[in-house]
Protein backbone atom coordinates (compact mmCIF):
# COMPACT_ATOMS: atom_id res chain seq x y z
CA MET A 1 -31.83 -4.99 10.89
CA LEU A 2 -28.39 -3.65 11.81
CA SER A 3 -28.42 -5.75 14.97
CA ARG A 4 -28.61 -8.87 12.79
CA ILE A 5 -25.34 -8.15 11.00
CA THR A 6 -22.78 -10.75 12.06
CA PRO A 7 -19.16 -9.81 12.80
CA ARG A 8 -18.12 -11.68 9.63
CA ASN A 9 -20.53 -9.72 7.44
CA ALA A 10 -19.49 -6.47 9.10
CA ALA A 11 -15.85 -7.32 8.39
CA LEU A 12 -16.66 -8.15 4.75
CA LEU A 13 -18.42 -4.79 4.41
CA ALA A 14 -15.41 -3.05 5.99
CA LEU A 15 -13.10 -4.89 3.58
CA ALA A 16 -15.17 -3.72 0.60
CA LEU A 17 -15.19 -0.11 1.82
CA LEU A 18 -11.49 0.11 2.56
CA THR A 19 -10.68 -1.56 -0.77
CA LEU A 20 -12.71 1.15 -2.50
CA ILE A 21 -10.98 3.87 -0.45
CA TRP A 22 -7.47 2.59 -1.15
CA SER A 23 -8.01 1.84 -4.85
CA TYR A 24 -9.55 5.25 -5.58
CA ASN A 25 -6.77 6.95 -3.63
CA TRP A 26 -4.34 6.18 -6.48
CA ILE A 27 -6.35 8.65 -8.57
CA VAL A 28 -6.22 11.22 -5.76
CA MET A 29 -2.47 10.72 -5.35
CA LYS A 30 -1.93 11.27 -9.08
CA GLU A 31 -4.13 14.35 -9.40
CA VAL A 32 -2.76 16.03 -6.26
CA LEU A 33 0.58 16.51 -8.03
CA ARG A 34 -1.02 19.45 -9.85
CA TYR A 35 -1.03 21.29 -6.52
CA SER A 36 2.01 20.01 -4.60
CA GLY A 37 5.36 18.30 -4.92
CA PRO A 38 5.31 14.53 -4.30
CA PHE A 39 7.42 14.53 -1.14
CA THR A 40 5.68 17.50 0.45
CA PHE A 41 2.29 15.88 -0.03
CA SER A 42 3.56 12.55 1.29
CA ALA A 43 4.90 14.19 4.45
CA LEU A 44 1.68 16.13 5.04
CA ARG A 45 -0.68 13.21 4.48
CA TYR A 46 1.20 10.94 6.83
CA ALA A 47 1.66 13.63 9.46
CA PHE A 48 -2.11 14.10 9.63
CA GLY A 49 -2.73 10.38 9.20
CA THR A 50 -0.48 9.60 12.15
CA CYS A 51 -2.47 12.02 14.31
CA VAL A 52 -5.68 10.24 13.28
CA LEU A 53 -4.28 6.83 14.23
CA PHE A 54 -3.08 7.97 17.63
CA LEU A 55 -6.46 9.61 18.22
CA VAL A 56 -8.05 6.23 17.43
CA LEU A 57 -5.72 4.55 19.94
CA ILE A 58 -6.76 7.05 22.60
CA VAL A 59 -10.48 6.69 21.85
CA ARG A 60 -10.18 2.88 21.99
CA ARG A 61 -8.18 3.24 25.22
CA GLU A 62 -5.35 1.14 23.88
CA SER A 63 -1.85 1.42 25.29
CA LEU A 64 0.33 4.16 23.82
CA ARG A 65 3.45 2.31 24.84
CA PRO A 66 5.69 2.01 21.77
CA PRO A 67 6.80 -1.38 20.41
CA PRO A 68 10.58 -2.03 20.30
CA LEU A 69 11.74 1.23 18.76
CA ALA A 70 14.67 0.01 16.66
CA GLU A 71 12.61 -2.58 14.77
CA THR A 72 9.59 -0.29 14.57
CA ALA A 73 11.78 2.43 13.08
CA MET A 74 13.04 0.00 10.45
CA ILE A 75 9.47 -0.89 9.54
CA GLY A 76 8.49 2.78 9.41
CA LEU A 77 11.42 3.77 7.21
CA ALA A 78 10.61 0.93 4.79
CA GLN A 79 6.81 0.66 4.87
CA THR A 80 5.92 4.32 5.33
CA ALA A 81 8.85 6.52 4.26
CA GLY A 82 10.34 4.31 1.54
CA PHE A 83 7.09 3.02 0.09
CA GLN A 84 5.21 6.33 0.06
CA ALA A 85 8.10 8.48 -1.19
CA LEU A 86 8.88 6.08 -4.04
CA VAL A 87 5.33 5.50 -5.28
CA GLN A 88 4.40 9.17 -5.05
CA TRP A 89 7.57 10.01 -6.98
CA ALA A 90 6.67 7.33 -9.55
CA LEU A 91 3.31 9.03 -10.09
CA VAL A 92 5.05 12.19 -11.34
CA ASP A 93 5.73 10.49 -14.69
CA GLY A 94 3.79 7.23 -14.40
CA GLY A 95 0.12 6.47 -14.74
CA ALA A 96 -1.98 5.88 -11.65
CA GLY A 97 -3.11 2.41 -12.73
CA LYS A 98 0.34 1.10 -13.67
CA THR A 99 1.93 2.57 -10.55
CA ALA A 100 -0.67 0.85 -8.37
CA LEU A 101 -0.06 -2.45 -10.16
CA PHE A 102 3.72 -2.27 -9.83
CA ALA A 103 3.51 -1.21 -6.18
CA TYR A 104 1.24 -4.18 -5.47
CA THR A 105 3.90 -6.61 -6.62
CA MET A 106 4.64 -6.51 -2.87
CA PRO A 107 3.33 -10.05 -2.15
CA PHE A 108 5.87 -11.52 -4.57
CA TRP A 109 8.76 -9.71 -2.88
CA VAL A 110 7.39 -10.90 0.48
CA VAL A 111 7.80 -14.49 -0.73
CA LEU A 112 11.46 -13.91 -1.62
CA LEU A 113 12.30 -11.83 1.46
CA ALA A 114 10.60 -14.31 3.80
CA TRP A 115 12.80 -16.97 2.25
CA LEU A 116 15.94 -14.90 2.86
CA LEU A 117 15.08 -13.42 6.27
CA LEU A 118 12.67 -15.91 7.86
CA ALA A 119 13.87 -19.14 6.22
CA GLU A 120 10.38 -19.74 4.81
CA ARG A 121 11.17 -21.63 1.63
CA PRO A 122 8.67 -20.94 -1.20
CA GLY A 123 6.43 -23.81 -2.23
CA PRO A 124 5.39 -24.80 -5.76
CA ARG A 125 2.41 -22.41 -5.76
CA GLN A 126 4.59 -19.51 -4.76
CA TRP A 127 7.18 -20.28 -7.43
CA LEU A 128 4.35 -20.46 -9.97
CA SER A 129 3.05 -17.07 -8.81
CA LEU A 130 6.54 -15.55 -9.08
CA ALA A 131 6.97 -16.88 -12.61
CA GLY A 132 3.55 -15.53 -13.59
CA ALA A 133 4.34 -12.14 -12.05
CA ALA A 134 7.61 -11.93 -13.98
CA ILE A 135 5.84 -12.69 -17.28
CA GLY A 136 3.08 -10.20 -16.47
CA LEU A 137 5.56 -7.44 -15.66
CA VAL A 138 7.33 -7.96 -18.99
CA LEU A 139 3.99 -7.74 -20.82
CA VAL A 140 3.00 -4.53 -19.00
CA ILE A 141 6.41 -2.86 -19.38
CA GLU A 142 6.70 -3.89 -23.07
CA PRO A 143 10.50 -3.44 -23.26
CA TRP A 144 10.44 -4.12 -27.03
CA HIS A 145 8.83 -0.67 -27.44
CA GLY A 146 11.67 1.04 -25.56
CA LEU A 147 12.14 1.93 -21.93
CA GLY A 148 10.93 5.53 -21.92
CA GLY A 149 8.89 5.06 -18.75
CA VAL A 150 11.42 2.88 -16.99
CA ARG A 151 12.10 5.37 -14.18
CA SER A 152 8.52 5.47 -12.91
CA THR A 153 8.28 1.69 -13.30
CA LEU A 154 11.43 1.05 -11.27
CA LEU A 155 10.37 3.56 -8.61
CA ALA A 156 6.99 1.87 -8.19
CA ILE A 157 8.54 -1.61 -8.04
CA ALA A 158 11.13 -0.34 -5.53
CA GLY A 159 8.21 0.98 -3.48
CA GLY A 160 6.71 -2.50 -3.52
CA VAL A 161 10.03 -3.92 -2.31
CA CYS A 162 10.13 -1.41 0.57
CA TRP A 163 6.58 -2.33 1.50
CA ALA A 164 7.51 -6.02 1.45
CA ILE A 165 10.44 -5.36 3.79
CA GLY A 166 8.04 -3.70 6.21
CA VAL A 167 5.64 -6.66 5.95
CA VAL A 168 8.34 -9.25 6.67
CA LEU A 169 9.76 -7.26 9.58
CA SER A 170 6.23 -6.80 10.96
CA LYS A 171 5.56 -10.50 10.62
CA ARG A 172 8.70 -11.26 12.60
CA MET A 173 7.49 -8.97 15.39
CA PHE A 174 3.97 -10.44 15.37
CA LYS A 175 5.43 -13.93 15.73
CA ARG A 176 6.91 -12.95 19.09
CA GLY A 177 3.46 -11.93 20.32
CA GLY A 178 2.33 -9.10 22.57
CA ILE A 179 2.07 -6.51 19.78
CA GLY A 180 -1.22 -5.36 18.26
CA ALA A 181 -1.60 -4.46 14.58
CA LEU A 182 -3.00 -0.97 15.24
CA PRO A 183 -0.36 0.19 17.79
CA LEU A 184 2.45 -1.08 15.56
CA THR A 185 0.90 0.65 12.56
CA ALA A 186 0.59 3.94 14.43
CA TRP A 187 4.14 3.90 15.78
CA GLN A 188 5.80 2.78 12.56
CA MET A 189 3.84 5.47 10.74
CA LEU A 190 5.01 8.10 13.22
CA LEU A 191 8.67 7.14 12.79
CA GLY A 192 8.31 6.79 9.04
CA THR A 193 6.68 10.21 8.85
CA VAL A 194 9.80 11.73 10.42
CA GLY A 195 11.73 10.29 7.47
CA LEU A 196 9.21 11.70 4.99
CA ILE A 197 9.43 15.15 6.57
CA ALA A 198 13.22 15.03 6.31
CA ILE A 199 12.99 14.13 2.61
CA ALA A 200 10.49 16.92 1.96
CA LEU A 201 12.66 19.49 3.71
CA PHE A 202 15.67 18.68 1.53
CA ALA A 203 13.76 18.24 -1.75
CA ASP A 204 13.53 21.17 -4.15
CA GLU A 205 9.80 21.24 -4.85
CA ARG A 206 7.12 23.69 -5.91
CA ALA A 207 5.15 25.63 -3.33
CA ILE A 208 1.82 24.17 -2.28
CA ASP A 209 -1.29 25.50 -3.98
CA TRP A 210 -3.72 25.46 -1.05
CA SER A 211 -6.76 25.10 -3.27
CA PRO A 212 -10.02 23.53 -2.05
CA TRP A 213 -9.18 20.44 -4.16
CA PHE A 214 -5.78 20.02 -2.47
CA ILE A 215 -7.28 20.44 1.00
CA GLY A 216 -9.94 17.88 0.13
CA ALA A 217 -7.31 15.43 -1.18
CA LEU A 218 -5.27 15.90 1.98
CA ALA A 219 -8.35 15.30 4.15
CA TYR A 220 -9.24 12.19 2.12
CA ASN A 221 -5.77 10.78 2.73
CA ALA A 222 -5.51 11.74 6.39
CA VAL A 223 -9.01 10.81 7.57
CA LEU A 224 -10.01 8.03 5.17
CA SER A 225 -6.97 6.45 3.54
CA SER A 226 -4.57 6.69 6.49
CA GLY A 227 -7.05 6.78 9.36
CA LEU A 228 -10.47 5.17 8.98
CA ALA A 229 -9.28 2.57 6.47
CA TRP A 230 -6.52 1.40 8.80
CA LEU A 231 -9.03 1.07 11.62
CA MET A 232 -11.24 -1.03 9.34
CA TRP A 233 -8.24 -3.08 8.27
CA SER A 234 -7.41 -3.85 11.89
CA TYR A 235 -10.97 -5.13 12.36
CA VAL A 236 -10.77 -7.18 9.14
CA VAL A 237 -7.49 -8.82 10.21
CA GLU A 238 -8.97 -9.71 13.59
CA THR A 239 -12.23 -11.12 12.16
CA LEU A 240 -11.63 -12.71 8.77
CA PRO A 241 -9.30 -15.53 7.68
CA ALA A 242 -5.98 -14.26 6.35
CA ASN A 243 -6.57 -15.56 2.82
CA ILE A 244 -9.82 -13.56 2.49
CA ALA A 245 -8.26 -10.40 3.93
CA GLY A 246 -5.25 -10.81 1.65
CA LEU A 247 -7.41 -10.78 -1.48
CA SER A 248 -7.51 -6.99 -1.11
CA SER A 249 -3.95 -7.01 -2.47
CA LEU A 250 -5.49 -8.44 -5.66
CA VAL A 251 -8.59 -6.26 -5.88
CA ILE A 252 -7.03 -2.88 -5.06
CA PRO A 253 -4.56 -2.61 -7.99
CA ILE A 254 -7.13 -4.00 -10.45
CA ALA A 255 -9.73 -1.51 -9.20
CA GLY A 256 -7.08 1.23 -9.35
CA ILE A 257 -6.49 0.40 -13.01
CA GLY A 258 -10.25 0.55 -13.61
CA PHE A 259 -10.53 3.98 -11.94
CA ALA A 260 -7.52 5.25 -13.92
CA TRP A 261 -9.10 4.04 -17.16
CA LEU A 262 -12.50 5.52 -16.34
CA LEU A 263 -11.42 8.85 -14.82
CA LEU A 264 -7.99 9.57 -16.32
CA GLY A 265 -8.27 7.88 -19.69
CA GLU A 266 -5.41 5.46 -18.98
CA GLN A 267 -6.62 2.71 -21.30
CA PRO A 268 -4.35 -0.37 -21.28
CA SER A 269 -3.20 -1.80 -24.59
CA LEU A 270 -3.96 -5.41 -25.46
CA THR A 271 -0.50 -6.52 -24.33
CA GLU A 272 -0.76 -4.50 -21.12
CA GLY A 273 -4.18 -6.01 -20.49
CA LEU A 274 -2.76 -9.52 -20.83
CA GLY A 275 0.04 -8.56 -18.43
CA ILE A 276 -2.45 -7.15 -15.92
CA LEU A 277 -4.51 -10.35 -16.07
CA THR A 278 -1.38 -12.46 -15.64
CA ILE A 279 -0.24 -10.48 -12.58
CA GLY A 280 -3.77 -10.60 -11.18
CA ALA A 281 -3.89 -14.37 -11.56
CA SER A 282 -0.46 -14.63 -9.93
CA LEU A 283 -1.62 -12.51 -6.99
CA ALA A 284 -4.62 -14.80 -6.60
CA ILE A 285 -2.33 -17.85 -6.58
CA VAL A 286 0.06 -16.42 -3.97
CA ASN A 287 -2.88 -15.39 -1.76
CA LEU A 288 -4.28 -18.91 -1.74
CA ARG A 289 -1.50 -19.79 0.65
CA ARG A 290 -0.41 -16.67 2.49
CA ALA A 291 -1.72 -13.15 2.91
CA PRO A 292 0.45 -10.34 4.34
CA LYS A 293 -1.25 -8.45 7.15
CA PRO A 294 0.15 -4.89 7.07
CA LEU A 295 -1.44 -3.29 3.94
CA PRO A 296 -0.95 0.48 3.21
CA ASP A 297 -2.70 2.36 0.26
């Protein structure tokens, strides 16, 4: 039976599994703050995750030669250090579902940054998706009720911007050819982890509570979210069309909201629900045309 599974079906199964891993991880990232400071946990998870990725490279006998270090460092500082530090910080005060949604505004920022940095002018569909995203964000934030949670919102959106910078810079490197997705991911994660460790060392945070739950959360992030899921993502990118792979950027935040509602009691209001649906529809529109390849949790 297993021998009859086609590469396409195997890739679809991998996409479903990694989407589940990454969407549920927003709950893990929120709950782990009961045991550790945000920056300390971020540094630890990516330190172990980087080891997992390099172990995968060794097992697959892929070259350990680094890509151009200056550009790879820029990607790592944006996509790993900037993104992870900002979204984990946002989770201190923000809900897991909302933080996931705001972080996954990344595809919209990719459209704008690709226009500025790669001279890829947005088309009508992309402008429509941007307009829809803006309306959806206003509905979710509900500024007419005050801006009490504005800090976590801005941190999560800033994380999405950092992620988008990493995507656009990665795309520019991929266009030149000769660079694989997995080696670039491993090296940018290594360099970005150095930045996370520096932030954690200078941040004034609580001591780690090395409880079984914290160790389990750390293992989940290192082995599954930062290791196995990235290996599956590499296979998905190689096997499936980009528009199908890119739909994970739609499913993950929606599933994250569902997990947050079910497990943490973060029930969206009617207005927030309309905003979530609007952003989801906008993500679907933008993915009809282009899907960014590098996709962290």
